[in-house]
Amino acid sequence: MIREELIQFGSHLKKLRSEKKLTQVELAYKAGFDRNYIGMLERGQRNPALLNLIKISEALSIKLTELVDFKK
C-alpha cells in the first residue's frame, strides 16, 4: 500500500534528520522548503518528487540511495 510506504519513508527521514541533529526547520531551510513540508513528509502525508528527494539528500549530506533505502 502506498500510504504505508510514505509512512515508512517519513520515519526513515525523521531518523536521518535526528542523526544529523537537525530540526525540521533547519532541514527545511537547508533544502529550500517550508518547514511544514518536512513535517508532512515525516508524517507520510506527502509524496516527494525526485528533485525534492535530491534536495533533501544534499541538505542531509547523504547519498540519495541512503535517503530512499527505507525498506530494510
C-alpha atoms as a PDB file:
ATOM      1  CA  MET A   1       0.000   0.000   0.000  1.00  0.00           C
ATOM      2  CA  ILE A   2       1.391   3.369  -0.976  1.00  0.00           C
ATOM      3  CA  ARG A   3       0.294   5.111   2.223  1.00  0.00           C
ATOM      4  CA  GLU A   4       2.297   2.644   4.342  1.00  0.00           C
ATOM      5  CA  GLU A   5       5.377   3.257   2.197  1.00  0.00           C
ATOM      6  CA  LEU A   6       5.035   7.003   2.709  1.00  0.00           C
ATOM      7  CA  ILE A   7       4.826   6.470   6.469  1.00  0.00           C
ATOM      8  CA  GLN A   8       7.913   4.243   6.371  1.00  0.00           C
ATOM      9  CA  PHE A   9       9.798   6.834   4.332  1.00  0.00           C
ATOM     10  CA  GLY A  10       8.746   9.565   6.753  1.00  0.00           C
ATOM     11  CA  SER A  11      10.022   7.617   9.742  1.00  0.00           C
ATOM     12  CA  HIS A  12      13.298   6.994   7.936  1.00  0.00           C
ATOM     13  CA  LEU A  13      13.639  10.687   7.056  1.00  0.00           C
ATOM     14  CA  LYS A  14      12.991  11.664  10.672  1.00  0.00           C
ATOM     15  CA  LYS A  15      15.657   9.221  11.860  1.00  0.00           C
ATOM     16  CA  LEU A  16      18.198  10.557   9.381  1.00  0.00           C
ATOM     17  CA  ARG A  17      17.383  14.154  10.297  1.00  0.00           C
ATOM     18  CA  SER A  18      17.687  13.394  14.007  1.00  0.00           C
ATOM     19  CA  GLU A  19      21.035  11.665  13.478  1.00  0.00           C
ATOM     20  CA  LYS A  20      22.285  14.891  11.885  1.00  0.00           C
ATOM     21  CA  LYS A  21      20.906  16.792  14.902  1.00  0.00           C
ATOM     22  CA  LEU A  22      18.731  18.993  12.703  1.00  0.00           C
ATOM     23  CA  THR A  23      15.282  20.301  13.483  1.00  0.00           C
ATOM     24  CA  GLN A  24      12.567  20.210  10.834  1.00  0.00           C
ATOM     25  CA  VAL A  25      13.023  23.965  10.438  1.00  0.00           C
ATOM     26  CA  GLU A  26      16.772  23.638   9.939  1.00  0.00           C
ATOM     27  CA  LEU A  27      16.389  20.864   7.366  1.00  0.00           C
ATOM     28  CA  ALA A  28      13.682  22.803   5.551  1.00  0.00           C
ATOM     29  CA  TYR A  29      15.914  25.874   5.383  1.00  0.00           C
ATOM     30  CA  LYS A  30      18.924  23.905   4.127  1.00  0.00           C
ATOM     31  CA  ALA A  31      16.827  22.159   1.459  1.00  0.00           C
ATOM     32  CA  GLY A  32      14.862  25.256   0.446  1.00  0.00           C
ATOM     33  CA  PHE A  33      11.434  24.126   1.646  1.00  0.00           C
ATOM     34  CA  ASP A  34       8.783  25.352   4.029  1.00  0.00           C
ATOM     35  CA  ARG A  35       9.048  23.698   7.453  1.00  0.00           C
ATOM     36  CA  ASN A  36       5.518  22.350   7.080  1.00  0.00           C
ATOM     37  CA  TYR A  37       6.591  20.320   4.033  1.00  0.00           C
ATOM     38  CA  ILE A  38       9.239  18.430   6.033  1.00  0.00           C
ATOM     39  CA  GLY A  39       6.691  17.696   8.771  1.00  0.00           C
ATOM     40  CA  MET A  40       4.201  16.417   6.236  1.00  0.00           C
ATOM     41  CA  LEU A  41       6.861  14.157   4.706  1.00  0.00           C
ATOM     42  CA  GLU A  42       7.779  12.761   8.116  1.00  0.00           C
ATOM     43  CA  ARG A  43       4.113  12.015   8.861  1.00  0.00           C
ATOM     44  CA  GLY A  44       3.617  10.301   5.494  1.00  0.00           C
ATOM     45  CA  GLN A  45       1.202  12.956   4.282  1.00  0.00           C
ATOM     46  CA  ARG A  46       3.152  13.973   1.168  1.00  0.00           C
ATOM     47  CA  ASN A  47       4.715  12.019  -1.675  1.00  0.00           C
ATOM     48  CA  PRO A  48       8.003  13.751  -2.532  1.00  0.00           C
ATOM     49  CA  ALA A  49       9.099  14.325  -6.111  1.00  0.00           C
ATOM     50  CA  LEU A  50      12.516  13.163  -7.283  1.00  0.00           C
ATOM     51  CA  LEU A  51      14.003  16.672  -7.376  1.00  0.00           C
ATOM     52  CA  ASN A  52      12.817  17.247  -3.804  1.00  0.00           C
ATOM     53  CA  LEU A  53      14.437  13.998  -2.692  1.00  0.00           C
ATOM     54  CA  ILE A  54      17.690  15.169  -4.250  1.00  0.00           C
ATOM     55  CA  LYS A  55      17.484  18.495  -2.379  1.00  0.00           C
ATOM     56  CA  ILE A  56      16.792  16.703   0.903  1.00  0.00           C
ATOM     57  CA  SER A  57      19.681  14.255   0.458  1.00  0.00           C
ATOM     58  CA  GLU A  58      22.023  17.151  -0.320  1.00  0.00           C
ATOM     59  CA  ALA A  59      20.792  19.075   2.732  1.00  0.00           C
ATOM     60  CA  LEU A  60      21.461  15.997   4.891  1.00  0.00           C
ATOM     61  CA  SER A  61      24.852  15.445   3.185  1.00  0.00           C
ATOM     62  CA  ILE A  62      23.948  11.860   2.308  1.00  0.00           C
ATOM     63  CA  LYS A  63      23.610   9.910  -0.920  1.00  0.00           C
ATOM     64  CA  LEU A  64      20.180   9.779  -2.495  1.00  0.00           C
ATOM     65  CA  THR A  65      20.281   5.984  -2.231  1.00  0.00           C
ATOM     66  CA  GLU A  66      20.636   6.246   1.557  1.00  0.00           C
ATOM     67  CA  LEU A  67      17.600   8.512   1.740  1.00  0.00           C
ATOM     68  CA  VAL A  68      15.364   6.176  -0.247  1.00  0.00           C
ATOM     69  CA  ASP A  69      16.653   2.942   1.325  1.00  0.00           C
ATOM     70  CA  PHE A  70      13.917   2.766   3.959  1.00  0.00           C
ATOM     71  CA  LYS A  71      12.701  -0.794   3.286  1.00  0.00           C
ATOM     72  CA  LYS A  72      15.184  -2.995   5.098  1.00  0.00           C
END
